[in-house]
Protein backbone atom coordinates (compact mmCIF):
# COMPACT_ATOMS: atom_id res chain seq x y z
CA UNK A 1 0.00 0.00 0.00
CA UNK A 2 1.20 3.47 -0.81
CA UNK A 3 0.84 5.89 2.08
CA UNK A 4 0.30 9.43 0.84
CA UNK A 5 2.49 12.16 2.35
CA UNK A 6 0.51 14.91 4.03
CA UNK A 7 1.01 18.33 2.51
CA UNK A 8 0.93 20.47 5.67
CA UNK A 9 0.62 20.50 9.43
CA UNK A 10 -3.11 21.30 9.28
CA UNK A 11 -3.76 18.07 7.34
CA UNK A 12 -1.68 16.14 9.87
CA UNK A 13 -3.62 17.61 12.79
CA UNK A 14 -6.93 16.71 11.14
CA UNK A 15 -5.78 13.16 10.51
CA UNK A 16 -4.61 12.75 14.10
CA UNK A 17 -7.93 14.07 15.42
CA UNK A 18 -9.83 11.52 13.33
CA UNK A 19 -7.54 8.68 14.46
CA UNK A 20 -8.16 9.67 18.09
CA UNK A 21 -11.93 9.63 17.45
CA UNK A 22 -11.71 6.19 15.87
CA UNK A 23 -9.79 4.95 18.91
CA UNK A 24 -12.38 6.44 21.28
CA UNK A 25 -15.21 4.90 19.25
CA UNK A 26 -13.61 1.44 19.43
CA UNK A 27 -13.18 1.79 23.19
CA UNK A 28 -16.58 3.37 23.94
CA UNK A 29 -18.53 0.94 21.76
CA UNK A 30 -16.36 -1.95 22.95
CA UNK A 31 -15.68 -3.01 19.36
CA UNK A 32 -13.76 -6.27 19.56
CA UNK A 33 -10.86 -7.40 17.33
CA UNK A 34 -12.27 -8.69 14.05
CA UNK A 35 -15.48 -6.69 14.34
CA UNK A 36 -16.62 -4.19 11.77
CA UNK A 37 -16.53 -0.41 12.14
CA UNK A 38 -19.52 1.72 11.08
CA UNK A 39 -19.55 2.75 7.41
CA UNK A 40 -17.49 5.68 6.10
CA UNK A 41 -20.68 7.70 5.63
CA UNK A 42 -21.76 7.19 9.23
CA UNK A 43 -18.29 7.90 10.61
CA UNK A 44 -17.78 11.04 8.52
CA UNK A 45 -21.13 12.39 9.76
CA UNK A 46 -20.43 11.39 13.36
CA UNK A 47 -16.95 12.97 13.36
CA UNK A 48 -18.08 15.94 11.20
CA UNK A 49 -15.22 15.43 8.73
CA UNK A 50 -15.03 14.83 4.98
CA UNK A 51 -15.04 11.25 3.74
CA UNK A 52 -11.70 11.94 2.05
CA UNK A 53 -10.07 12.94 5.36
CA UNK A 54 -11.67 9.96 7.08
CA UNK A 55 -10.39 7.62 4.38
CA UNK A 56 -6.83 8.93 4.79
CA UNK A 57 -6.95 8.30 8.54
CA UNK A 58 -8.29 4.78 7.99
CA UNK A 59 -5.56 4.13 5.41
CA UNK A 60 -2.92 5.19 7.92
CA UNK A 61 -4.29 2.84 10.57
CA UNK A 62 -4.50 0.12 7.93
CA UNK A 63 -0.89 0.78 6.96
CA UNK A 64 0.15 0.12 10.56
CA UNK A 65 -1.96 -3.04 10.65
CA UNK A 66 -4.58 -1.78 13.08
CA UNK A 67 -7.51 -1.81 10.66
CA UNK A 68 -8.28 -3.89 7.58
CA UNK A 69 -10.52 -2.71 4.75
CA UNK A 70 -12.22 -5.40 2.69
CA UNK A 71 -13.87 -4.33 -0.59
CA UNK A 72 -17.68 -4.59 -0.53
CA UNK A 73 -17.54 -5.60 3.14
CA UNK A 74 -16.20 -2.66 5.17
CA UNK A 75 -13.43 -1.86 7.62
CA UNK A 76 -12.57 -4.22 10.45
CA UNK A 77 -10.50 -3.93 13.63
CA UNK A 78 -7.33 -6.01 13.43
CA UNK A 79 -7.00 -9.20 15.46
CA UNK A 80 -4.82 -7.72 18.20
CA UNK A 81 -5.66 -7.03 21.81
CA UNK A 82 -7.29 -3.73 22.73
CA UNK A 83 -4.39 -2.79 25.02
CA UNK A 84 -1.88 -3.24 22.19
CA UNK A 85 -4.17 -1.38 19.79
CA UNK A 86 -4.50 1.60 22.13
CA UNK A 87 -0.77 1.66 22.77
CA UNK A 88 0.06 1.62 19.07
CA UNK A 89 -2.46 4.37 18.31
CA UNK A 90 -0.89 6.52 21.05
CA UNK A 91 2.49 6.03 19.38
CA UNK A 92 1.02 6.98 15.99
CA UNK A 93 -0.51 10.13 17.45
CA UNK A 94 2.88 11.14 18.82
CA UNK A 95 4.54 10.78 15.44
CA UNK A 96 5.44 14.01 13.68
CA UNK A 97 6.14 14.58 10.01
CA UNK A 98 9.76 13.40 9.51
CA UNK A 99 12.33 16.05 8.72
CA UNK A 100 14.15 15.79 5.40
CA UNK A 101 17.46 14.81 6.96
CA UNK A 102 15.91 11.81 8.71
CA UNK A 103 14.18 10.78 5.46
CA UNK A 104 17.49 10.85 3.59
CA UNK A 105 19.26 8.95 6.37
CA UNK A 106 16.52 6.29 6.29
CA UNK A 107 16.80 6.09 2.52
CA UNK A 108 20.55 5.44 2.73
CA UNK A 109 20.11 2.67 5.30
CA UNK A 110 17.35 1.05 3.26
CA UNK A 111 19.13 1.20 -0.07
CA UNK A 112 22.35 -0.34 1.20
CA UNK A 113 20.19 -3.34 2.10
CA UNK A 114 17.97 -3.38 -0.98
CA UNK A 115 20.89 -3.29 -3.43
CA UNK A 116 22.45 -6.34 -1.75
CA UNK A 117 19.17 -8.23 -1.88
CA UNK A 118 18.54 -7.14 -5.47
CA UNK A 119 21.91 -8.52 -6.51
CA UNK A 120 21.06 -11.84 -4.89
CA UNK A 121 17.40 -12.13 -5.90
CA UNK A 122 16.83 -10.15 -9.08
CA UNK A 123 15.09 -11.76 -12.02
CA UNK A 124 15.62 -10.98 -15.69
CA UNK A 125 12.44 -8.91 -15.60
CA UNK A 126 13.79 -6.96 -12.63
CA UNK A 127 17.03 -6.36 -14.49
CA UNK A 128 15.13 -5.06 -17.51
CA UNK A 129 13.10 -2.68 -15.30
CA UNK A 130 16.25 -1.32 -13.65
CA UNK A 131 17.92 -0.83 -17.05
CA UNK A 132 14.85 0.98 -18.41
CA UNK A 133 14.87 3.30 -15.39
CA UNK A 134 18.59 3.92 -15.90
CA UNK A 135 18.04 4.75 -19.57
CA UNK A 136 15.20 7.14 -18.76
CA UNK A 137 17.39 8.92 -16.19
CA UNK A 138 20.30 9.19 -18.62
CA UNK A 139 18.04 10.53 -21.36
CA UNK A 140 16.73 13.32 -19.14
CA UNK A 141 20.21 14.28 -17.88
CA UNK A 142 21.72 14.30 -21.36
CA UNK A 143 18.86 16.56 -22.50
CA UNK A 144 19.76 19.01 -19.75
CA UNK A 145 16.47 18.44 -17.91
CA UNK A 146 15.80 17.82 -14.24
CA UNK A 147 15.81 14.07 -13.57
CA UNK A 148 14.99 13.90 -9.85
CA UNK A 149 11.94 11.73 -10.42
CA UNK A 150 13.76 9.41 -12.85
CA UNK A 151 16.60 9.12 -10.33
CA UNK A 152 14.25 7.92 -7.61
CA UNK A 153 12.38 5.61 -9.99
CA UNK A 154 15.72 3.91 -10.69
CA UNK A 155 16.18 3.32 -6.96
CA UNK A 156 12.59 2.14 -6.58
CA UNK A 157 13.20 -0.41 -9.33
CA UNK A 158 16.12 -1.74 -7.27
CA UNK A 159 13.93 -1.89 -4.16
CA UNK A 160 11.35 -3.90 -6.09
CA UNK A 161 14.10 -6.26 -7.30
CA UNK A 162 15.04 -6.95 -3.68
CA UNK A 163 11.84 -9.02 -3.47
CA UNK A 164 11.33 -7.75 0.07
CA UNK A 165 7.83 -6.26 0.15
CA UNK A 166 8.42 -4.44 3.44
CA UNK A 167 11.52 -2.62 2.21
CA UNK A 168 9.79 -1.86 -1.06
CA UNK A 169 6.82 -0.38 0.81
CA UNK A 170 9.07 1.74 3.03
CA UNK A 171 10.79 3.15 -0.06
CA UNK A 172 7.40 4.00 -1.55
CA UNK A 173 6.39 5.73 1.68
CA UNK A 174 9.40 8.06 1.89
CA UNK A 175 9.92 8.73 -1.83
CA UNK A 176 7.19 11.37 -2.42
CA UNK A 177 8.47 13.63 0.36
CA UNK A 178 12.07 13.16 -0.78
CA UNK A 179 11.10 14.31 -4.29
CA UNK A 180 9.30 17.34 -2.83
CA UNK A 181 12.28 18.41 -0.73
CA UNK A 182 15.30 17.57 -2.92
CA UNK A 183 15.57 20.97 -4.58
CA UNK A 184 14.33 22.85 -1.52
CA UNK A 185 17.34 21.59 0.45
CA UNK A 186 19.75 21.87 -2.50
CA UNK A 187 20.78 18.23 -2.13
CA UNK A 188 20.43 17.33 -5.79
CA UNK A 189 23.26 19.16 -7.56
CA UNK A 190 22.52 19.09 -11.29
CA UNK A 191 26.23 19.60 -11.98
CA UNK A 192 26.81 16.09 -10.61
CA UNK A 193 24.10 14.48 -12.74
CA UNK A 194 26.49 13.24 -15.43
CA UNK A 195 28.64 11.61 -12.77
CA UNK A 196 25.49 10.04 -11.34
CA UNK A 197 24.85 8.31 -14.69
CA UNK A 198 28.18 6.52 -14.30
CA UNK A 199 27.34 5.64 -10.69
CA UNK A 200 23.90 4.33 -11.63
CA UNK A 201 25.47 2.26 -14.38
CA UNK A 202 27.99 0.78 -11.94
CA UNK A 203 25.17 -0.13 -9.54
CA UNK A 204 23.20 -1.72 -12.37
CA UNK A 205 26.23 -3.75 -13.49
CA UNK A 206 26.82 -5.05 -9.95
CA UNK A 207 23.20 -6.25 -9.80
CA UNK A 208 23.53 -7.78 -13.24
CA UNK A 209 26.65 -9.63 -12.05
CA UNK A 210 24.75 -10.71 -8.91
CA UNK A 211 27.55 -9.35 -6.72
CA UNK A 212 25.99 -8.04 -3.47
CA UNK A 213 29.28 -6.81 -1.99
CA UNK A 214 30.09 -4.79 -5.09
CA UNK A 215 26.52 -3.47 -5.21
CA UNK A 216 26.73 -2.15 -1.65
CA UNK A 217 30.12 -0.55 -2.39
CA UNK A 218 28.83 1.18 -5.52
CA UNK A 219 25.71 2.40 -3.71
CA UNK A 220 27.84 3.89 -0.93
CA UNK A 221 29.96 5.67 -3.51
CA UNK A 222 26.80 6.98 -5.18
CA UNK A 223 25.54 8.34 -1.87
CA UNK A 224 28.72 10.24 -0.98
CA UNK A 225 26.97 13.62 -1.32
CA UNK A 226 24.01 12.47 0.74
CA UNK A 227 26.39 11.20 3.43
CA UNK A 228 27.88 14.72 3.58
CA UNK A 229 24.40 16.18 3.96
CA UNK A 230 23.41 13.80 6.74
CA UNK A 231 26.57 13.76 8.77
CA UNK A 232 28.34 17.05 8.06
CA UNK A 233 25.42 19.48 8.42
C-alpha atoms as a PDB file:
ATOM      1  CA  UNK A   1       0.000   0.000   0.000  1.00  0.00           C
ATOM      2  CA  UNK A   2       1.204   3.467  -0.807  1.00  0.00           C
ATOM      3  CA  UNK A   3       0.844   5.889   2.083  1.00  0.00           C
ATOM      4  CA  UNK A   4       0.297   9.433   0.842  1.00  0.00           C
ATOM      5  CA  UNK A   5       2.495  12.164   2.353  1.00  0.00           C
ATOM      6  CA  UNK A   6       0.512  14.910   4.032  1.00  0.00           C
ATOM      7  CA  UNK A   7       1.008  18.331   2.514  1.00  0.00           C
ATOM      8  CA  UNK A   8       0.934  20.467   5.669  1.00  0.00           C
ATOM      9  CA  UNK A   9       0.622  20.498   9.425  1.00  0.00           C
ATOM     10  CA  UNK A  10      -3.107  21.295   9.278  1.00  0.00           C
ATOM     11  CA  UNK A  11      -3.758  18.066   7.345  1.00  0.00           C
ATOM     12  CA  UNK A  12      -1.680  16.138   9.866  1.00  0.00           C
ATOM     13  CA  UNK A  13      -3.616  17.612  12.788  1.00  0.00           C
ATOM     14  CA  UNK A  14      -6.928  16.714  11.136  1.00  0.00           C
ATOM     15  CA  UNK A  15      -5.777  13.165  10.513  1.00  0.00           C
ATOM     16  CA  UNK A  16      -4.605  12.748  14.103  1.00  0.00           C
ATOM     17  CA  UNK A  17      -7.933  14.070  15.424  1.00  0.00           C
ATOM     18  CA  UNK A  18      -9.830  11.519  13.330  1.00  0.00           C
ATOM     19  CA  UNK A  19      -7.538   8.685  14.462  1.00  0.00           C
ATOM     20  CA  UNK A  20      -8.157   9.669  18.094  1.00  0.00           C
ATOM     21  CA  UNK A  21     -11.926   9.629  17.447  1.00  0.00           C
ATOM     22  CA  UNK A  22     -11.708   6.186  15.869  1.00  0.00           C
ATOM     23  CA  UNK A  23      -9.788   4.954  18.914  1.00  0.00           C
ATOM     24  CA  UNK A  24     -12.383   6.437  21.281  1.00  0.00           C
ATOM     25  CA  UNK A  25     -15.209   4.897  19.248  1.00  0.00           C
ATOM     26  CA  UNK A  26     -13.613   1.440  19.433  1.00  0.00           C
ATOM     27  CA  UNK A  27     -13.184   1.787  23.195  1.00  0.00           C
ATOM     28  CA  UNK A  28     -16.578   3.367  23.939  1.00  0.00           C
ATOM     29  CA  UNK A  29     -18.533   0.944  21.761  1.00  0.00           C
ATOM     30  CA  UNK A  30     -16.358  -1.946  22.952  1.00  0.00           C
ATOM     31  CA  UNK A  31     -15.684  -3.012  19.364  1.00  0.00           C
ATOM     32  CA  UNK A  32     -13.759  -6.271  19.563  1.00  0.00           C
ATOM     33  CA  UNK A  33     -10.865  -7.397  17.328  1.00  0.00           C
ATOM     34  CA  UNK A  34     -12.267  -8.686  14.054  1.00  0.00           C
ATOM     35  CA  UNK A  35     -15.479  -6.687  14.342  1.00  0.00           C
ATOM     36  CA  UNK A  36     -16.624  -4.189  11.766  1.00  0.00           C
ATOM     37  CA  UNK A  37     -16.531  -0.406  12.141  1.00  0.00           C
ATOM     38  CA  UNK A  38     -19.522   1.719  11.083  1.00  0.00           C
ATOM     39  CA  UNK A  39     -19.553   2.752   7.409  1.00  0.00           C
ATOM     40  CA  UNK A  40     -17.490   5.682   6.103  1.00  0.00           C
ATOM     41  CA  UNK A  41     -20.679   7.697   5.629  1.00  0.00           C
ATOM     42  CA  UNK A  42     -21.762   7.190   9.225  1.00  0.00           C
ATOM     43  CA  UNK A  43     -18.289   7.903  10.613  1.00  0.00           C
ATOM     44  CA  UNK A  44     -17.780  11.041   8.519  1.00  0.00           C
ATOM     45  CA  UNK A  45     -21.129  12.394   9.760  1.00  0.00           C
ATOM     46  CA  UNK A  46     -20.429  11.392  13.359  1.00  0.00           C
ATOM     47  CA  UNK A  47     -16.949  12.969  13.357  1.00  0.00           C
ATOM     48  CA  UNK A  48     -18.075  15.936  11.205  1.00  0.00           C
ATOM     49  CA  UNK A  49     -15.216  15.425   8.727  1.00  0.00           C
ATOM     50  CA  UNK A  50     -15.027  14.830   4.983  1.00  0.00           C
ATOM     51  CA  UNK A  51     -15.036  11.248   3.740  1.00  0.00           C
ATOM     52  CA  UNK A  52     -11.700  11.936   2.051  1.00  0.00           C
ATOM     53  CA  UNK A  53     -10.070  12.942   5.364  1.00  0.00           C
ATOM     54  CA  UNK A  54     -11.672   9.961   7.084  1.00  0.00           C
ATOM     55  CA  UNK A  55     -10.395   7.623   4.375  1.00  0.00           C
ATOM     56  CA  UNK A  56      -6.829   8.932   4.792  1.00  0.00           C
ATOM     57  CA  UNK A  57      -6.955   8.304   8.543  1.00  0.00           C
ATOM     58  CA  UNK A  58      -8.291   4.781   7.992  1.00  0.00           C
ATOM     59  CA  UNK A  59      -5.565   4.133   5.405  1.00  0.00           C
ATOM     60  CA  UNK A  60      -2.920   5.191   7.915  1.00  0.00           C
ATOM     61  CA  UNK A  61      -4.294   2.844  10.567  1.00  0.00           C
ATOM     62  CA  UNK A  62      -4.504   0.122   7.933  1.00  0.00           C
ATOM     63  CA  UNK A  63      -0.886   0.785   6.961  1.00  0.00           C
ATOM     64  CA  UNK A  64       0.151   0.122  10.564  1.00  0.00           C
ATOM     65  CA  UNK A  65      -1.961  -3.042  10.648  1.00  0.00           C
ATOM     66  CA  UNK A  66      -4.585  -1.783  13.083  1.00  0.00           C
ATOM     67  CA  UNK A  67      -7.511  -1.811  10.655  1.00  0.00           C
ATOM     68  CA  UNK A  68      -8.284  -3.888   7.582  1.00  0.00           C
ATOM     69  CA  UNK A  69     -10.520  -2.707   4.746  1.00  0.00           C
ATOM     70  CA  UNK A  70     -12.222  -5.405   2.695  1.00  0.00           C
ATOM     71  CA  UNK A  71     -13.868  -4.328  -0.593  1.00  0.00           C
ATOM     72  CA  UNK A  72     -17.677  -4.590  -0.535  1.00  0.00           C
ATOM     73  CA  UNK A  73     -17.542  -5.597   3.142  1.00  0.00           C
ATOM     74  CA  UNK A  74     -16.204  -2.662   5.169  1.00  0.00           C
ATOM     75  CA  UNK A  75     -13.431  -1.857   7.616  1.00  0.00           C
ATOM     76  CA  UNK A  76     -12.566  -4.219  10.454  1.00  0.00           C
ATOM     77  CA  UNK A  77     -10.502  -3.932  13.631  1.00  0.00           C
ATOM     78  CA  UNK A  78      -7.325  -6.012  13.431  1.00  0.00           C
ATOM     79  CA  UNK A  79      -6.996  -9.195  15.457  1.00  0.00           C
ATOM     80  CA  UNK A  80      -4.821  -7.722  18.195  1.00  0.00           C
ATOM     81  CA  UNK A  81      -5.661  -7.027  21.813  1.00  0.00           C
ATOM     82  CA  UNK A  82      -7.288  -3.727  22.734  1.00  0.00           C
ATOM     83  CA  UNK A  83      -4.386  -2.794  25.022  1.00  0.00           C
ATOM     84  CA  UNK A  84      -1.884  -3.238  22.195  1.00  0.00           C
ATOM     85  CA  UNK A  85      -4.170  -1.381  19.787  1.00  0.00           C
ATOM     86  CA  UNK A  86      -4.497   1.600  22.128  1.00  0.00           C
ATOM     87  CA  UNK A  87      -0.765   1.657  22.771  1.00  0.00           C
ATOM     88  CA  UNK A  88       0.064   1.623  19.070  1.00  0.00           C
ATOM     89  CA  UNK A  89      -2.455   4.373  18.313  1.00  0.00           C
ATOM     90  CA  UNK A  90      -0.894   6.516  21.047  1.00  0.00           C
ATOM     91  CA  UNK A  91       2.494   6.025  19.377  1.00  0.00           C
ATOM     92  CA  UNK A  92       1.016   6.975  15.987  1.00  0.00           C
ATOM     93  CA  UNK A  93      -0.513  10.134  17.449  1.00  0.00           C
ATOM     94  CA  UNK A  94       2.883  11.143  18.822  1.00  0.00           C
ATOM     95  CA  UNK A  95       4.537  10.780  15.438  1.00  0.00           C
ATOM     96  CA  UNK A  96       5.440  14.012  13.682  1.00  0.00           C
ATOM     97  CA  UNK A  97       6.144  14.576  10.009  1.00  0.00           C
ATOM     98  CA  UNK A  98       9.761  13.399   9.508  1.00  0.00           C
ATOM     99  CA  UNK A  99      12.334  16.054   8.717  1.00  0.00           C
ATOM    100  CA  UNK A 100      14.145  15.786   5.403  1.00  0.00           C
ATOM    101  CA  UNK A 101      17.458  14.806   6.958  1.00  0.00           C
ATOM    102  CA  UNK A 102      15.912  11.809   8.711  1.00  0.00           C
ATOM    103  CA  UNK A 103      14.177  10.778   5.464  1.00  0.00           C
ATOM    104  CA  UNK A 104      17.489  10.853   3.590  1.00  0.00           C
ATOM    105  CA  UNK A 105      19.255   8.949   6.371  1.00  0.00           C
ATOM    106  CA  UNK A 106      16.524   6.294   6.287  1.00  0.00           C
ATOM    107  CA  UNK A 107      16.802   6.093   2.515  1.00  0.00           C
ATOM    108  CA  UNK A 108      20.551   5.441   2.725  1.00  0.00           C
ATOM    109  CA  UNK A 109      20.114   2.666   5.297  1.00  0.00           C
ATOM    110  CA  UNK A 110      17.347   1.049   3.257  1.00  0.00           C
ATOM    111  CA  UNK A 111      19.130   1.203  -0.068  1.00  0.00           C
ATOM    112  CA  UNK A 112      22.349  -0.338   1.201  1.00  0.00           C
ATOM    113  CA  UNK A 113      20.187  -3.341   2.102  1.00  0.00           C
ATOM    114  CA  UNK A 114      17.974  -3.377  -0.983  1.00  0.00           C
ATOM    115  CA  UNK A 115      20.890  -3.289  -3.432  1.00  0.00           C
ATOM    116  CA  UNK A 116      22.454  -6.343  -1.747  1.00  0.00           C
ATOM    117  CA  UNK A 117      19.172  -8.234  -1.875  1.00  0.00           C
ATOM    118  CA  UNK A 118      18.536  -7.138  -5.468  1.00  0.00           C
ATOM    119  CA  UNK A 119      21.912  -8.516  -6.515  1.00  0.00           C
ATOM    120  CA  UNK A 120      21.060 -11.836  -4.894  1.00  0.00           C
ATOM    121  CA  UNK A 121      17.400 -12.133  -5.905  1.00  0.00           C
ATOM    122  CA  UNK A 122      16.826 -10.151  -9.078  1.00  0.00           C
ATOM    123  CA  UNK A 123      15.088 -11.763 -12.020  1.00  0.00           C
ATOM    124  CA  UNK A 124      15.621 -10.980 -15.687  1.00  0.00           C
ATOM    125  CA  UNK A 125      12.435  -8.914 -15.604  1.00  0.00           C
ATOM    126  CA  UNK A 126      13.793  -6.955 -12.632  1.00  0.00           C
ATOM    127  CA  UNK A 127      17.033  -6.355 -14.492  1.00  0.00           C
ATOM    128  CA  UNK A 128      15.126  -5.056 -17.507  1.00  0.00           C
ATOM    129  CA  UNK A 129      13.103  -2.682 -15.302  1.00  0.00           C
ATOM    130  CA  UNK A 130      16.253  -1.320 -13.655  1.00  0.00           C
ATOM    131  CA  UNK A 131      17.916  -0.827 -17.051  1.00  0.00           C
ATOM    132  CA  UNK A 132      14.854   0.984 -18.412  1.00  0.00           C
ATOM    133  CA  UNK A 133      14.868   3.302 -15.391  1.00  0.00           C
ATOM    134  CA  UNK A 134      18.591   3.920 -15.895  1.00  0.00           C
ATOM    135  CA  UNK A 135      18.041   4.752 -19.574  1.00  0.00           C
ATOM    136  CA  UNK A 136      15.196   7.144 -18.758  1.00  0.00           C
ATOM    137  CA  UNK A 137      17.385   8.918 -16.192  1.00  0.00           C
ATOM    138  CA  UNK A 138      20.300   9.187 -18.623  1.00  0.00           C
ATOM    139  CA  UNK A 139      18.038  10.535 -21.363  1.00  0.00           C
ATOM    140  CA  UNK A 140      16.732  13.322 -19.137  1.00  0.00           C
ATOM    141  CA  UNK A 141      20.208  14.283 -17.880  1.00  0.00           C
ATOM    142  CA  UNK A 142      21.719  14.303 -21.363  1.00  0.00           C
ATOM    143  CA  UNK A 143      18.863  16.558 -22.501  1.00  0.00           C
ATOM    144  CA  UNK A 144      19.759  19.015 -19.752  1.00  0.00           C
ATOM    145  CA  UNK A 145      16.472  18.437 -17.909  1.00  0.00           C
ATOM    146  CA  UNK A 146      15.795  17.819 -14.236  1.00  0.00           C
ATOM    147  CA  UNK A 147      15.808  14.072 -13.570  1.00  0.00           C
ATOM    148  CA  UNK A 148      14.995  13.903  -9.848  1.00  0.00           C
ATOM    149  CA  UNK A 149      11.937  11.731 -10.420  1.00  0.00           C
ATOM    150  CA  UNK A 150      13.759   9.414 -12.852  1.00  0.00           C
ATOM    151  CA  UNK A 151      16.596   9.121 -10.334  1.00  0.00           C
ATOM    152  CA  UNK A 152      14.253   7.925  -7.612  1.00  0.00           C
ATOM    153  CA  UNK A 153      12.383   5.609  -9.992  1.00  0.00           C
ATOM    154  CA  UNK A 154      15.720   3.914 -10.685  1.00  0.00           C
ATOM    155  CA  UNK A 155      16.178   3.323  -6.962  1.00  0.00           C
ATOM    156  CA  UNK A 156      12.586   2.138  -6.580  1.00  0.00           C
ATOM    157  CA  UNK A 157      13.204  -0.415  -9.333  1.00  0.00           C
ATOM    158  CA  UNK A 158      16.120  -1.739  -7.270  1.00  0.00           C
ATOM    159  CA  UNK A 159      13.929  -1.889  -4.164  1.00  0.00           C
ATOM    160  CA  UNK A 160      11.351  -3.901  -6.095  1.00  0.00           C
ATOM    161  CA  UNK A 161      14.101  -6.256  -7.299  1.00  0.00           C
ATOM    162  CA  UNK A 162      15.045  -6.954  -3.680  1.00  0.00           C
ATOM    163  CA  UNK A 163      11.843  -9.016  -3.470  1.00  0.00           C
ATOM    164  CA  UNK A 164      11.326  -7.752   0.066  1.00  0.00           C
ATOM    165  CA  UNK A 165       7.834  -6.263   0.152  1.00  0.00           C
ATOM    166  CA  UNK A 166       8.417  -4.436   3.438  1.00  0.00           C
ATOM    167  CA  UNK A 167      11.520  -2.625   2.214  1.00  0.00           C
ATOM    168  CA  UNK A 168       9.791  -1.863  -1.061  1.00  0.00           C
ATOM    169  CA  UNK A 169       6.818  -0.381   0.812  1.00  0.00           C
ATOM    170  CA  UNK A 170       9.067   1.738   3.033  1.00  0.00           C
ATOM    171  CA  UNK A 171      10.786   3.151  -0.055  1.00  0.00           C
ATOM    172  CA  UNK A 172       7.395   3.996  -1.553  1.00  0.00           C
ATOM    173  CA  UNK A 173       6.390   5.731   1.678  1.00  0.00           C
ATOM    174  CA  UNK A 174       9.405   8.060   1.892  1.00  0.00           C
ATOM    175  CA  UNK A 175       9.917   8.727  -1.832  1.00  0.00           C
ATOM    176  CA  UNK A 176       7.193  11.373  -2.418  1.00  0.00           C
ATOM    177  CA  UNK A 177       8.475  13.628   0.365  1.00  0.00           C
ATOM    178  CA  UNK A 178      12.066  13.164  -0.782  1.00  0.00           C
ATOM    179  CA  UNK A 179      11.096  14.313  -4.290  1.00  0.00           C
ATOM    180  CA  UNK A 180       9.298  17.342  -2.832  1.00  0.00           C
ATOM    181  CA  UNK A 181      12.280  18.411  -0.731  1.00  0.00           C
ATOM    182  CA  UNK A 182      15.298  17.569  -2.915  1.00  0.00           C
ATOM    183  CA  UNK A 183      15.569  20.968  -4.579  1.00  0.00           C
ATOM    184  CA  UNK A 184      14.334  22.847  -1.515  1.00  0.00           C
ATOM    185  CA  UNK A 185      17.343  21.590   0.446  1.00  0.00           C
ATOM    186  CA  UNK A 186      19.752  21.868  -2.499  1.00  0.00           C
ATOM    187  CA  UNK A 187      20.778  18.232  -2.128  1.00  0.00           C
ATOM    188  CA  UNK A 188      20.429  17.328  -5.789  1.00  0.00           C
ATOM    189  CA  UNK A 189      23.264  19.157  -7.563  1.00  0.00           C
ATOM    190  CA  UNK A 190      22.521  19.090 -11.286  1.00  0.00           C
ATOM    191  CA  UNK A 191      26.232  19.601 -11.979  1.00  0.00           C
ATOM    192  CA  UNK A 192      26.813  16.087 -10.613  1.00  0.00           C
ATOM    193  CA  UNK A 193      24.099  14.484 -12.741  1.00  0.00           C
ATOM    194  CA  UNK A 194      26.489  13.237 -15.432  1.00  0.00           C
ATOM    195  CA  UNK A 195      28.642  11.615 -12.771  1.00  0.00           C
ATOM    196  CA  UNK A 196      25.492  10.040 -11.344  1.00  0.00           C
ATOM    197  CA  UNK A 197      24.849   8.309 -14.692  1.00  0.00           C
ATOM    198  CA  UNK A 198      28.183   6.516 -14.295  1.00  0.00           C
ATOM    199  CA  UNK A 199      27.343   5.643 -10.691  1.00  0.00           C
ATOM    200  CA  UNK A 200      23.903   4.331 -11.634  1.00  0.00           C
ATOM    201  CA  UNK A 201      25.470   2.262 -14.379  1.00  0.00           C
ATOM    202  CA  UNK A 202      27.993   0.776 -11.936  1.00  0.00           C
ATOM    203  CA  UNK A 203      25.171  -0.130  -9.543  1.00  0.00           C
ATOM    204  CA  UNK A 204      23.196  -1.721 -12.374  1.00  0.00           C
ATOM    205  CA  UNK A 205      26.229  -3.748 -13.492  1.00  0.00           C
ATOM    206  CA  UNK A 206      26.816  -5.053  -9.945  1.00  0.00           C
ATOM    207  CA  UNK A 207      23.202  -6.246  -9.796  1.00  0.00           C
ATOM    208  CA  UNK A 208      23.535  -7.782 -13.245  1.00  0.00           C
ATOM    209  CA  UNK A 209      26.650  -9.626 -12.052  1.00  0.00           C
ATOM    210  CA  UNK A 210      24.754 -10.706  -8.913  1.00  0.00           C
ATOM    211  CA  UNK A 211      27.551  -9.351  -6.722  1.00  0.00           C
ATOM    212  CA  UNK A 212      25.987  -8.039  -3.469  1.00  0.00           C
ATOM    213  CA  UNK A 213      29.280  -6.811  -1.986  1.00  0.00           C
ATOM    214  CA  UNK A 214      30.086  -4.792  -5.094  1.00  0.00           C
ATOM    215  CA  UNK A 215      26.520  -3.469  -5.208  1.00  0.00           C
ATOM    216  CA  UNK A 216      26.732  -2.145  -1.651  1.00  0.00           C
ATOM    217  CA  UNK A 217      30.125  -0.554  -2.386  1.00  0.00           C
ATOM    218  CA  UNK A 218      28.832   1.185  -5.522  1.00  0.00           C
ATOM    219  CA  UNK A 219      25.709   2.396  -3.714  1.00  0.00           C
ATOM    220  CA  UNK A 220      27.842   3.886  -0.927  1.00  0.00           C
ATOM    221  CA  UNK A 221      29.957   5.673  -3.514  1.00  0.00           C
ATOM    222  CA  UNK A 222      26.799   6.980  -5.180  1.00  0.00           C
ATOM    223  CA  UNK A 223      25.540   8.342  -1.865  1.00  0.00           C
ATOM    224  CA  UNK A 224      28.716  10.238  -0.982  1.00  0.00           C
ATOM    225  CA  UNK A 225      26.974  13.619  -1.323  1.00  0.00           C
ATOM    226  CA  UNK A 226      24.009  12.467   0.745  1.00  0.00           C
ATOM    227  CA  UNK A 227      26.393  11.202   3.428  1.00  0.00           C
ATOM    228  CA  UNK A 228      27.882  14.719   3.584  1.00  0.00           C
ATOM    229  CA  UNK A 229      24.395  16.185   3.957  1.00  0.00           C
ATOM    230  CA  UNK A 230      23.408  13.802   6.739  1.00  0.00           C
ATOM    231  CA  UNK A 231      26.569  13.763   8.770  1.00  0.00           C
ATOM    232  CA  UNK A 232      28.340  17.053   8.060  1.00  0.00           C
ATOM    233  CA  UNK A 233      25.416  19.481   8.419  1.00  0.00           C
END
